[in-house]
Amino acid sequence: MKIFGIKEFNEYLNVGDLKSDDLHIVNFEGKENIRLKSETVAIDFYLLSIKPHLSDAVRANNPHLEDMSDSAYMYVDCPQNSLEWDIKSPMGGYAIMISASYLEKFSKDYNFVHYNNHEALFLTEDEVAILWDLFKKADVEFQKKYYSKNIIISYVSLIMTYVRHFYDRQFDTRKDIYHKVIDEFHKNLTEYFVENESLKGLPSVAFFAQKSFLSPNYFGDLIKHFTGKAPIDHIHDYVVVQAKDRLKNTDLSISEISYSLGFDYPNYFARFFRKKTGLSPKTFRNQSDINENR
């Protein structure tokens, strides 16, 4: 897969001359010769894009948002994210391409930059007005002969702060759809342990995210937003419940229980169980036997 820097990506898009190798802003208005289709490529910079309306490709990549009306939307992509597109005609909007070195100190506070399955942020009218204004102001500054990178970076930081807030709003306003994702997660978690006769490791967050057609980070933020706990905590809690049940109600050895829950080694299971419960598996089983015999 090709990995593009800002200069190479700008040339690949065919959107005009480049002003800087580490910071560039594109106003897509009037860019009739833009590349309309691309195989999967990767970038080594941050890319903030705002578009005026949904494309068929965006709808196809967001199955949980199929009932969205025609809406402005935006993406934030980070270095190493992959991109591909297939659009029918040039679209308006803006793109800010900015070197990773300028945003590293900000990006660690914004989990959404790692939404690498292109879960778009769909904007309300008020949000469009705010973000469109900030992108336009950044572009106005960029078009000056002697523009200030610090000013543009400040606009980018403000955009990202708003985006984090707007993603929270999107979770809340789409709660009926996202509650289905949570229900599917719990169903898939149960099925993982019931249907797999020979488990090889505990299931990962990425495993369940993929089943919901979401990136792990977006999936994780969604689950935590509505439940107060990260997906990995739900997975661990489920494993603890299953372990307790098997220690109390079966004659399986601790090693057999360990393997049945996907642990590669019994001592890993013992450490995990003690960390979660404060007891070793053996102590928990003995205490359960004592309580039942009273």
Protein backbone atom coordinates (compact mmCIF):
# COMPACT_ATOMS: atom_id res chain seq x y z
CA MET A 1 0.00 0.00 0.00
CA LYS A 2 1.28 3.45 -0.91
CA ILE A 3 2.02 5.83 1.96
CA PHE A 4 1.75 9.50 1.06
CA GLY A 5 3.22 12.57 2.65
CA ILE A 6 1.43 15.89 2.23
CA LYS A 7 3.21 16.77 -1.01
CA GLU A 8 2.62 13.37 -2.60
CA PHE A 9 -1.01 13.23 -1.48
CA ASN A 10 -1.73 16.70 -2.84
CA GLU A 11 -0.28 15.65 -6.19
CA TYR A 12 -2.25 12.40 -6.07
CA LEU A 13 -5.49 14.30 -5.48
CA ASN A 14 -4.63 16.70 -8.31
CA VAL A 15 -5.92 19.74 -6.45
CA GLY A 16 -3.35 22.39 -7.37
CA ASP A 17 -0.01 23.75 -6.23
CA LEU A 18 1.44 23.08 -2.79
CA LYS A 19 2.46 25.94 -0.51
CA SER A 20 4.17 23.91 2.21
CA ASP A 21 5.34 20.32 2.73
CA ASP A 22 4.16 20.26 6.35
CA LEU A 23 0.92 22.27 6.24
CA HIS A 24 -1.56 22.63 3.40
CA ILE A 25 -5.22 23.57 3.08
CA VAL A 26 -7.41 22.69 0.11
CA ASN A 27 -10.67 24.43 -0.75
CA PHE A 28 -12.37 21.89 -3.03
CA GLU A 29 -14.67 24.47 -4.58
CA GLY A 30 -13.94 24.56 -8.32
CA LYS A 31 -11.46 21.66 -8.21
CA GLU A 32 -12.95 19.88 -11.22
CA ASN A 33 -9.90 17.70 -11.94
CA ILE A 34 -9.75 16.05 -8.52
CA ARG A 35 -9.15 12.30 -8.44
CA LEU A 36 -12.59 10.72 -8.09
CA LYS A 37 -11.54 7.17 -7.28
CA SER A 38 -8.64 5.63 -5.40
CA GLU A 39 -7.47 2.24 -4.26
CA THR A 40 -6.49 1.98 -0.60
CA VAL A 41 -3.65 4.33 0.30
CA ALA A 42 -2.18 5.48 3.61
CA ILE A 43 -1.07 8.89 4.90
CA ASP A 44 1.69 9.96 7.28
CA PHE A 45 0.05 13.24 8.41
CA TYR A 46 -3.17 14.45 10.02
CA LEU A 47 -6.07 15.12 7.67
CA LEU A 48 -9.15 17.10 8.71
CA SER A 49 -11.90 17.12 6.07
CA ILE A 50 -15.33 18.73 6.03
CA LYS A 51 -17.83 17.95 3.26
CA PRO A 52 -21.14 19.62 2.46
CA HIS A 53 -23.29 16.50 2.02
CA LEU A 54 -23.28 12.71 2.23
CA SER A 55 -22.01 10.61 -0.63
CA ASP A 56 -23.15 7.07 -1.43
CA ALA A 57 -19.77 5.79 -0.28
CA VAL A 58 -20.17 7.43 3.13
CA ARG A 59 -23.61 5.90 3.56
CA ALA A 60 -22.26 2.47 2.58
CA ASN A 61 -19.41 2.70 5.10
CA ASN A 62 -21.74 3.64 7.96
CA PRO A 63 -24.47 0.95 8.12
CA HIS A 64 -25.63 2.10 11.55
CA LEU A 65 -26.43 5.55 10.16
CA GLU A 66 -28.47 4.48 7.17
CA ASP A 67 -31.37 6.77 7.98
CA MET A 68 -29.35 9.98 8.03
CA SER A 69 -30.74 12.77 5.92
CA ASP A 70 -28.45 14.61 3.54
CA SER A 71 -26.02 16.20 5.98
CA ALA A 72 -22.63 17.84 6.14
CA TYR A 73 -20.01 15.65 7.75
CA MET A 74 -16.33 15.55 8.57
CA TYR A 75 -13.46 13.18 9.22
CA VAL A 76 -10.23 13.37 11.15
CA ASP A 77 -7.56 10.94 10.00
CA CYS A 78 -4.22 10.34 11.71
CA PRO A 79 -0.87 9.09 10.39
CA GLN A 80 -0.99 5.46 9.20
CA ASN A 81 -4.76 5.59 8.57
CA SER A 82 -5.85 4.13 5.26
CA LEU A 83 -8.14 5.90 2.79
CA GLU A 84 -10.04 4.89 -0.29
CA TRP A 85 -12.84 6.59 -2.16
CA ASP A 86 -15.10 6.38 -5.17
CA ILE A 87 -17.20 9.49 -5.83
CA LYS A 88 -19.28 10.34 -8.88
CA SER A 89 -18.39 14.03 -9.14
CA PRO A 90 -16.21 16.64 -7.41
CA MET A 91 -17.47 17.81 -4.02
CA GLY A 92 -17.00 21.05 -2.15
CA GLY A 93 -15.56 21.41 1.31
CA TYR A 94 -12.13 21.84 2.87
CA ALA A 95 -9.21 19.62 3.81
CA ILE A 96 -6.45 20.59 6.21
CA MET A 97 -3.28 18.51 5.90
CA ILE A 98 -0.91 19.01 8.78
CA SER A 99 2.33 17.36 9.83
CA ALA A 100 2.15 14.92 12.74
CA SER A 101 4.79 16.89 14.62
CA TYR A 102 2.42 19.87 14.94
CA LEU A 103 -0.43 17.91 16.49
CA GLU A 104 1.17 15.18 18.59
CA LYS A 105 0.73 17.09 21.85
CA PHE A 106 -2.96 17.68 21.05
CA SER A 107 -3.92 14.39 19.41
CA LYS A 108 -3.30 12.20 22.47
CA ASP A 109 -6.34 13.83 24.08
CA TYR A 110 -8.59 13.04 21.11
CA ASN A 111 -9.42 9.38 20.70
CA PHE A 112 -11.48 10.09 17.58
CA VAL A 113 -8.37 10.70 15.48
CA HIS A 114 -7.90 6.92 15.55
CA TYR A 115 -11.35 6.13 14.14
CA ASN A 116 -9.80 4.32 11.19
CA ASN A 117 -12.99 2.80 9.80
CA HIS A 118 -14.16 6.22 8.65
CA GLU A 119 -16.96 6.65 11.13
CA ALA A 120 -17.92 10.12 9.98
CA LEU A 121 -19.12 12.89 12.27
CA PHE A 122 -22.54 13.91 10.94
CA LEU A 123 -23.17 17.56 11.72
CA THR A 124 -26.25 19.48 12.79
CA GLU A 125 -26.92 22.87 11.19
CA ASP A 126 -25.45 24.69 14.19
CA GLU A 127 -22.36 22.49 14.14
CA VAL A 128 -21.90 23.03 10.42
CA ALA A 129 -21.93 26.79 10.97
CA ILE A 130 -19.28 26.57 13.69
CA LEU A 131 -16.91 24.20 11.91
CA TRP A 132 -17.36 25.67 8.44
CA ASP A 133 -16.46 29.07 9.85
CA LEU A 134 -13.29 27.70 11.48
CA PHE A 135 -12.18 25.87 8.32
CA LYS A 136 -12.83 29.02 6.27
CA LYS A 137 -10.87 31.20 8.69
CA ALA A 138 -7.96 28.77 8.61
CA ASP A 139 -8.03 28.88 4.80
CA VAL A 140 -8.21 32.70 4.73
CA GLU A 141 -5.09 32.82 6.91
CA PHE A 142 -3.38 30.18 4.75
CA GLN A 143 -3.98 32.18 1.54
CA LYS A 144 -1.96 35.12 2.85
CA LYS A 145 1.51 35.53 1.42
CA TYR A 146 2.98 35.48 4.92
CA TYR A 147 0.58 33.26 6.82
CA SER A 148 1.00 32.17 10.44
CA LYS A 149 1.28 28.43 11.09
CA ASN A 150 0.60 29.07 14.77
CA ILE A 151 -2.72 30.71 13.99
CA ILE A 152 -3.74 27.84 11.71
CA ILE A 153 -2.69 25.27 14.33
CA SER A 154 -4.80 27.15 16.87
CA TYR A 155 -7.79 26.88 14.53
CA VAL A 156 -7.10 23.15 14.10
CA SER A 157 -6.92 22.66 17.87
CA LEU A 158 -10.25 24.47 18.28
CA ILE A 159 -11.81 22.36 15.52
CA MET A 160 -10.69 19.18 17.28
CA THR A 161 -12.10 20.38 20.60
CA TYR A 162 -15.47 20.98 18.98
CA VAL A 163 -15.31 17.65 17.16
CA ARG A 164 -14.83 15.75 20.43
CA HIS A 165 -17.91 17.49 21.84
CA PHE A 166 -19.93 16.84 18.67
CA TYR A 167 -19.08 13.12 18.66
CA ASP A 168 -20.55 12.92 22.17
CA ARG A 169 -23.68 14.63 20.84
CA GLN A 170 -23.81 12.14 17.95
CA PHE A 171 -23.72 9.23 20.39
CA ASP A 172 -26.63 10.70 22.35
CA THR A 173 -28.82 11.64 19.40
CA ARG A 174 -28.26 8.23 17.79
CA LYS A 175 -28.81 6.30 21.01
CA ASP A 176 -31.56 4.04 19.66
CA ILE A 177 -29.29 2.77 16.91
CA TYR A 178 -26.22 2.57 19.15
CA HIS A 179 -28.10 0.66 21.84
CA LYS A 180 -28.48 -2.04 19.19
CA VAL A 181 -24.68 -2.09 18.89
CA ILE A 182 -24.42 -2.60 22.66
CA ASP A 183 -26.99 -5.42 22.58
CA GLU A 184 -25.10 -7.06 19.71
CA PHE A 185 -21.86 -6.77 21.68
CA HIS A 186 -23.29 -8.65 24.66
CA LYS A 187 -24.83 -11.26 22.36
CA ASN A 188 -21.56 -11.75 20.48
CA LEU A 189 -19.66 -11.95 23.76
CA THR A 190 -21.87 -14.79 24.98
CA GLU A 191 -21.73 -16.59 21.66
CA TYR A 192 -17.94 -16.39 21.57
CA PHE A 193 -17.67 -18.61 24.63
CA VAL A 194 -20.64 -20.84 23.82
CA GLU A 195 -19.93 -21.58 20.17
CA ASN A 196 -16.14 -21.89 20.22
CA GLU A 197 -15.23 -25.38 21.38
CA SER A 198 -11.52 -24.69 21.33
CA LEU A 199 -10.82 -21.12 22.40
CA LYS A 200 -7.52 -19.55 21.46
CA GLY A 201 -7.12 -16.54 23.69
CA LEU A 202 -9.56 -14.08 25.11
CA PRO A 203 -11.57 -12.14 22.50
CA SER A 204 -10.24 -8.71 21.63
CA VAL A 205 -12.15 -5.46 21.39
CA ALA A 206 -11.23 -5.40 17.69
CA PHE A 207 -13.00 -8.75 17.24
CA PHE A 208 -16.33 -7.33 18.43
CA ALA A 209 -15.82 -3.98 16.71
CA GLN A 210 -15.38 -5.73 13.39
CA LYS A 211 -18.67 -7.57 13.89
CA SER A 212 -20.36 -4.19 14.28
CA PHE A 213 -18.55 -2.72 11.25
CA LEU A 214 -16.84 -0.14 13.44
CA SER A 215 -13.23 0.68 14.20
CA PRO A 216 -12.00 -0.44 17.65
CA ASN A 217 -11.62 3.12 18.93
CA TYR A 218 -15.06 4.28 17.81
CA PHE A 219 -16.60 1.07 19.16
CA GLY A 220 -14.77 1.55 22.46
CA ASP A 221 -15.89 5.16 22.83
CA LEU A 222 -19.47 4.20 21.99
CA ILE A 223 -19.64 1.37 24.54
CA LYS A 224 -18.02 3.45 27.27
CA HIS A 225 -20.25 6.45 26.54
CA PHE A 226 -23.43 4.46 27.16
CA THR A 227 -22.32 1.93 29.78
CA GLY A 228 -19.62 3.78 31.70
CA LYS A 229 -17.18 0.92 31.09
CA ALA A 230 -14.76 0.17 28.29
CA PRO A 231 -15.40 -2.95 26.16
CA ILE A 232 -12.35 -4.70 27.61
CA ASP A 233 -13.85 -4.30 31.09
CA HIS A 234 -17.10 -5.89 29.89
CA ILE A 235 -15.10 -8.78 28.44
CA HIS A 236 -13.15 -9.27 31.65
CA ASP A 237 -16.30 -9.04 33.80
CA TYR A 238 -17.96 -11.71 31.68
CA VAL A 239 -14.94 -14.00 32.00
CA VAL A 240 -14.93 -13.56 35.79
CA VAL A 241 -18.62 -14.49 36.01
CA GLN A 242 -18.03 -17.57 33.88
CA ALA A 243 -14.97 -18.53 35.91
CA LYS A 244 -16.85 -18.23 39.21
CA ASP A 245 -19.69 -20.33 37.87
CA ARG A 246 -17.38 -23.09 36.71
CA LEU A 247 -15.36 -23.04 39.93
CA LYS A 248 -18.53 -23.30 42.03
CA ASN A 249 -20.70 -25.60 39.94
CA THR A 250 -18.43 -27.97 38.03
CA ASP A 251 -15.77 -30.56 38.83
CA LEU A 252 -13.46 -29.19 36.15
CA SER A 253 -9.91 -28.65 37.31
CA ILE A 254 -8.58 -25.11 37.46
CA SER A 255 -6.40 -25.86 34.44
CA GLU A 256 -9.42 -27.12 32.48
CA ILE A 257 -11.40 -24.02 33.40
CA SER A 258 -8.46 -21.88 32.37
CA TYR A 259 -8.27 -23.44 28.91
CA SER A 260 -12.07 -23.41 28.51
CA LEU A 261 -12.04 -19.62 28.95
CA GLY A 262 -9.32 -19.02 26.39
CA PHE A 263 -6.25 -18.62 28.61
CA ASP A 264 -3.08 -20.10 27.17
CA TYR A 265 -1.65 -20.99 30.58
CA PRO A 266 -3.32 -21.70 33.94
CA ASN A 267 -0.99 -19.31 35.76
CA TYR A 268 -2.21 -16.47 33.50
CA PHE A 269 -5.76 -17.33 34.49
CA ALA A 270 -4.82 -17.47 38.18
CA ARG A 271 -3.20 -14.01 38.03
CA PHE A 272 -6.17 -12.59 36.12
CA PHE A 273 -8.69 -14.06 38.57
CA ARG A 274 -6.80 -12.86 41.65
CA LYS A 275 -6.49 -9.35 40.19
CA LYS A 276 -10.24 -9.18 39.54
CA THR A 277 -11.53 -10.84 42.72
CA GLY A 278 -8.73 -10.61 45.28
CA LEU A 279 -8.74 -14.42 45.59
CA SER A 280 -6.94 -17.24 43.86
CA PRO A 281 -9.19 -19.66 41.92
CA LYS A 282 -8.42 -22.40 44.46
CA THR A 283 -9.31 -20.18 47.44
CA PHE A 284 -12.54 -19.07 45.78
CA ARG A 285 -13.54 -22.69 45.09
CA ASN A 286 -12.74 -23.77 48.66
CA GLN A 287 -14.71 -20.87 50.14
CA SER A 288 -17.67 -21.71 47.92
CA ASP A 289 -17.58 -25.34 49.10
CA ILE A 290 -17.48 -24.24 52.76
CA ASN A 291 -20.45 -21.88 52.32
CA GLU A 292 -22.52 -24.56 50.60
CA ASN A 293 -21.84 -27.06 53.40
CA ARG A 294 -22.90 -24.75 56.24
